[in-house]
C-alpha atoms as a PDB file:
ATOM      1  CA  MET A   1      -0.278  -0.086   0.021  1.00  0.00           C
ATOM      2  CA  GLY A   2       1.149   3.170  -0.652  1.00  0.00           C
ATOM      3  CA  GLN A   3       1.616   6.164   1.803  1.00  0.00           C
ATOM      4  CA  GLY A   4      -1.378   7.679   0.578  1.00  0.00           C
ATOM      5  CA  ASN A   5      -3.385   4.579   0.919  1.00  0.00           C
ATOM      6  CA  SER A   6      -2.740   4.946   4.228  1.00  0.00           C
ATOM      7  CA  PHE A   7      -2.840   8.561   5.103  1.00  0.00           C
ATOM      8  CA  LYS A   8      -6.538   8.312   3.586  1.00  0.00           C
ATOM      9  CA  LYS A   9      -7.254   5.388   5.861  1.00  0.00           C
ATOM     10  CA  GLY A  10      -5.584   7.494   8.876  1.00  0.00           C
ATOM     11  CA  LEU A  11      -7.919  10.201   8.009  1.00  0.00           C
ATOM     12  CA  LEU A  12     -11.323   8.029   7.995  1.00  0.00           C
ATOM     13  CA  LEU A  13     -10.530   6.927  11.443  1.00  0.00           C
ATOM     14  CA  GLY A  14      -9.566   9.973  12.575  1.00  0.00           C
ATOM     15  CA  PHE A  15     -13.178  11.659  11.214  1.00  0.00           C
ATOM     16  CA  LEU A  16     -14.459   8.268  12.307  1.00  0.00           C
ATOM     17  CA  THR A  17     -13.320   8.873  16.067  1.00  0.00           C
ATOM     18  CA  GLY A  18     -13.549  12.413  15.828  1.00  0.00           C
ATOM     19  CA  GLY A  19     -17.315  12.116  15.080  1.00  0.00           C
ATOM     20  CA  ALA A  20     -18.012   9.444  17.740  1.00  0.00           C
ATOM     21  CA  LEU A  21     -16.797  11.566  20.510  1.00  0.00           C
ATOM     22  CA  GLY A  22     -18.489  14.631  19.366  1.00  0.00           C
ATOM     23  CA  ALA A  23     -21.866  13.016  19.152  1.00  0.00           C
ATOM     24  CA  ALA A  24     -20.759  11.553  22.461  1.00  0.00           C
ATOM     25  CA  ILE A  25     -20.050  14.940  24.273  1.00  0.00           C
ATOM     26  CA  ALA A  26     -22.628  16.408  22.236  1.00  0.00           C
ATOM     27  CA  LEU A  27     -25.252  13.952  24.016  1.00  0.00           C
ATOM     28  CA  LEU A  28     -23.541  14.195  27.013  1.00  0.00           C
ATOM     29  CA  PHE A  29     -24.210  18.337  27.315  1.00  0.00           C
ATOM     30  CA  ALA A  30     -28.104  17.737  25.885  1.00  0.00           C
ATOM     31  CA  PRO A  31     -30.439  18.408  28.285  1.00  0.00           C
ATOM     32  CA  LYS A  32     -31.951  14.831  28.617  1.00  0.00           C
ATOM     33  CA  SER A  33     -32.902  12.025  31.169  1.00  0.00           C
ATOM     34  CA  GLY A  34     -29.973   9.595  32.322  1.00  0.00           C
ATOM     35  CA  LYS A  35     -32.115   6.676  29.877  1.00  0.00           C
ATOM     36  CA  GLU A  36     -32.860   8.646  27.247  1.00  0.00           C
ATOM     37  CA  LEU A  37     -28.755   9.625  27.480  1.00  0.00           C
ATOM     38  CA  ARG A  38     -27.845   5.800  27.562  1.00  0.00           C
ATOM     39  CA  LYS A  39     -30.402   5.010  24.737  1.00  0.00           C
ATOM     40  CA  ASP A  40     -28.692   7.867  22.591  1.00  0.00           C
ATOM     41  CA  ILE A  41     -25.232   6.609  23.552  1.00  0.00           C
ATOM     42  CA  LYS A  42     -26.091   3.411  22.976  1.00  0.00           C
ATOM     43  CA  GLU A  43     -27.422   3.778  19.481  1.00  0.00           C
ATOM     44  CA  LYS A  44     -24.793   5.897  18.132  1.00  0.00           C
ATOM     45  CA  GLY A  45     -22.126   3.830  19.362  1.00  0.00           C
ATOM     46  CA  GLU A  46     -23.639   0.625  17.319  1.00  0.00           C
ATOM     47  CA  GLU A  47     -23.869   3.041  13.941  1.00  0.00           C
ATOM     48  CA  TYR A  48     -20.329   4.357  14.231  1.00  0.00           C
ATOM     49  CA  LEU A  49     -19.506   0.818  15.337  1.00  0.00           C
ATOM     50  CA  ASP A  50     -21.594  -0.441  11.948  1.00  0.00           C
ATOM     51  CA  GLU A  51     -19.878   2.513  10.100  1.00  0.00           C
ATOM     52  CA  ALA A  52     -16.695   1.150  11.409  1.00  0.00           C
ATOM     53  CA  GLU A  53     -17.165  -2.953  10.407  1.00  0.00           C
ATOM     54  CA  LYS A  54     -18.458  -1.675   6.549  1.00  0.00           C
ATOM     55  CA  TYR A  55     -15.211   0.527   6.094  1.00  0.00           C
ATOM     56  CA  VAL A  56     -13.143  -2.398   7.755  1.00  0.00           C
ATOM     57  CA  SER A  57     -15.106  -4.617   5.087  1.00  0.00           C
ATOM     58  CA  GLN A  58     -14.046  -2.306   2.524  1.00  0.00           C
ATOM     59  CA  ALA A  59     -11.122  -1.963   3.152  1.00  0.00           C
ATOM     60  CA  LYS A  60     -10.487  -5.842   2.889  1.00  0.00           C
ATOM     61  CA  VAL A  61     -12.175  -5.822  -0.204  1.00  0.00           C
ATOM     62  CA  LYS A  62     -10.438  -3.374  -1.756  1.00  0.00           C
ATOM     63  CA  ALA A  63      -6.604  -4.625  -0.685  1.00  0.00           C
ATOM     64  CA  VAL A  64      -7.690  -8.183  -2.047  1.00  0.00           C
ATOM     65  CA  ASP A  65      -8.781  -6.722  -5.477  1.00  0.00           C
ATOM     66  CA  MET A  66      -5.091  -4.680  -4.855  1.00  0.00           C
ATOM     67  CA  ILE A  67      -3.309  -8.285  -4.541  1.00  0.00           C
ATOM     68  CA  ASN A  68      -5.086  -9.900  -7.280  1.00  0.00           C
ATOM     69  CA  GLU A  69      -4.562  -7.062  -9.740  1.00  0.00           C
ATOM     70  CA  GLY A  70      -1.084  -6.909  -8.447  1.00  0.00           C
ATOM     71  CA  LYS A  71      -0.939 -10.573  -9.250  1.00  0.00           C
ATOM     72  CA  LYS A  72      -2.648 -10.294 -12.709  1.00  0.00           C
ATOM     73  CA  ARG A  73       0.131  -7.668 -13.668  1.00  0.00           C
ATOM     74  CA  SER A  74       3.058  -9.606 -12.830  1.00  0.00           C
ATOM     75  CA  GLU A  75       1.898 -12.717 -14.654  1.00  0.00           C
ATOM     76  CA  ARG A  76       1.640 -10.288 -17.156  1.00  0.00           C
ATOM     77  CA  LEU A  77       4.969  -8.958 -16.894  1.00  0.00           C
ATOM     78  CA  ILE A  78       6.840 -12.326 -17.018  1.00  0.00           C
ATOM     79  CA  LYS A  79       4.570 -13.927 -19.998  1.00  0.00           C
ATOM     80  CA  ASP A  80       5.696 -10.587 -21.638  1.00  0.00           C
ATOM     81  CA  ALA A  81       9.260 -11.388 -21.093  1.00  0.00           C
ATOM     82  CA  ARG A  82       9.310 -15.023 -21.867  1.00  0.00           C
ATOM     83  CA  ASP A  83       7.445 -13.660 -25.070  1.00  0.00           C
ATOM     84  CA  LYS A  84      10.594 -11.498 -25.281  1.00  0.00           C
ATOM     85  CA  SER A  85      12.802 -14.210 -24.629  1.00  0.00           C
ATOM     86  CA  ASP A  86      11.471 -16.744 -26.930  1.00  0.00           C
ATOM     87  CA  GLN A  87      11.594 -14.200 -29.863  1.00  0.00           C
ATOM     88  CA  LEU A  88      15.057 -12.926 -28.831  1.00  0.00           C
ATOM     89  CA  MET A  89      16.395 -17.104 -28.892  1.00  0.00           C
ATOM     90  CA  LYS A  90      14.614 -17.136 -32.414  1.00  0.00           C
ATOM     91  CA  ASP A  91      16.174 -13.931 -33.963  1.00  0.00           C
ATOM     92  CA  ALA A  92      19.933 -15.222 -32.678  1.00  0.00           C
ATOM     93  CA  GLU A  93      19.130 -18.932 -33.922  1.00  0.00           C
ATOM     94  CA  LYS A  94      18.109 -17.413 -37.186  1.00  0.00           C
ATOM     95  CA  VAL A  95      21.084 -14.595 -37.178  1.00  0.00           C
ATOM     96  CA  TYR A  96      23.746 -17.938 -36.205  1.00  0.00           C
ATOM     97  CA  LYS A  97      21.920 -19.676 -39.307  1.00  0.00           C
ATOM     98  CA  ASP A  98      22.714 -17.317 -41.543  1.00  0.00           C
ATOM     99  CA  ALA A  99      25.882 -16.784 -40.561  1.00  0.00           C
ATOM    100  CA  LYS A 100      26.633 -20.333 -40.531  1.00  0.00           C
ATOM    101  CA  ASP A 101      24.914 -20.665 -44.120  1.00  0.00           C
ATOM    102  CA  LYS A 102      27.415 -17.738 -45.354  1.00  0.00           C
ATOM    103  CA  VAL A 103      30.624 -19.443 -43.974  1.00  0.00           C
ATOM    104  CA  SER A 104      29.496 -22.735 -45.370  1.00  0.00           C
ATOM    105  CA  ASP A 105      28.807 -20.607 -48.831  1.00  0.00           C
ATOM    106  CA  SER A 106      32.194 -19.098 -48.417  1.00  0.00           C
ATOM    107  CA  VAL A 107      34.145 -21.911 -47.761  1.00  0.00           C
ATOM    108  CA  LYS A 108      32.324 -24.404 -50.812  1.00  0.00           C
ATOM    109  CA  PHE A 109      33.018 -21.336 -53.306  1.00  0.00           C
ATOM    110  CA  GLY A 110      36.641 -20.795 -52.166  1.00  0.00           C
ATOM    111  CA  LYS A 111      37.196 -25.043 -51.905  1.00  0.00           C
ATOM    112  CA  GLU A 112      35.429 -24.567 -56.053  1.00  0.00           C
ATOM    113  CA  SER A 113      37.978 -21.827 -56.699  1.00  0.00           C
ATOM    114  CA  TYR A 114      40.645 -23.292 -55.304  1.00  0.00           C
ATOM    115  CA  ASP A 115      40.571 -26.621 -57.072  1.00  0.00           C
ATOM    116  CA  GLN A 116      39.912 -25.063 -60.328  1.00  0.00           C
ATOM    117  CA  LYS A 117      42.976 -22.811 -59.783  1.00  0.00           C
ATOM    118  CA  ARG A 118      44.639 -26.122 -59.052  1.00  0.00           C
ATOM    119  CA  ASP A 119      43.290 -27.650 -61.675  1.00  0.00           C
ATOM    120  CA  GLN A 120      44.152 -24.776 -64.157  1.00  0.00           C
ATOM    121  CA  ILE A 121      48.045 -24.766 -62.845  1.00  0.00           C
ATOM    122  CA  LYS A 122      48.018 -28.648 -63.578  1.00  0.00           C
ATOM    123  CA  ASP A 123      46.744 -28.083 -66.611  1.00  0.00           C
ATOM    124  CA  ALA A 124      50.008 -25.289 -67.242  1.00  0.00           C
ATOM    125  CA  ILE A 125      52.655 -27.731 -65.876  1.00  0.00           C
ATOM    126  CA  LYS A 126      51.337 -30.397 -68.026  1.00  0.00           C
ATOM    127  CA  ALA A 127      51.029 -28.274 -71.114  1.00  0.00           C
ATOM    128  CA  GLY A 128      54.774 -27.168 -70.394  1.00  0.00           C
ATOM    129  CA  VAL A 129      56.240 -30.368 -69.848  1.00  0.00           C
ATOM    130  CA  ASP A 130      54.745 -31.393 -73.491  1.00  0.00           C
ATOM    131  CA  ALA A 131      55.853 -28.606 -74.921  1.00  0.00           C
ATOM    132  CA  TYR A 132      59.812 -28.933 -73.773  1.00  0.00           C
ATOM    133  CA  LYS A 133      59.091 -32.723 -74.536  1.00  0.00           C
ATOM    134  CA  GLU A 134      58.353 -32.088 -77.603  1.00  0.00           C
ATOM    135  CA  SER A 135      60.578 -29.499 -78.172  1.00  0.00           C
ATOM    136  CA  LYS A 136      63.219 -31.859 -76.909  1.00  0.00           C
ATOM    137  CA  HIS A 137      61.876 -34.654 -79.417  1.00  0.00           C
ATOM    138  CA  THR A 138      62.075 -32.070 -82.449  1.00  0.00           C
ATOM    139  CA  GLY A 139      65.585 -30.672 -81.157  1.00  0.00           C
ATOM    140  CA  GLU A 140      67.401 -33.771 -82.020  1.00  0.00           C
END
């Protein structure tokens, strides 16, 4: 409960208590017989007791409502956090997969390029050796 709620509660209890004391003092100074005075005090006391019970009952209901609302908000926050966490994990997995695919493609392309260059070099060496052999044969 916030500080404002406790202030309101204290203020209301102060009014109830002050009202009860004021009514009792007014009854004491009123020109009535003892029997009438006791009857009035009893009625006013019961009236203020009923008001106090009503206030306490309402305060309990409000407290339960606040607790339930707090639970609902907490559950929503937890669900939102889980959803965001799940989405972040999915995004991270996608980024990882994309990066892995790019590396795989680069390695594959690099290997193909290497194999092609190797074959070209082999062909060039073979052509050079063949040319050398042929020039040796023709020069003899």
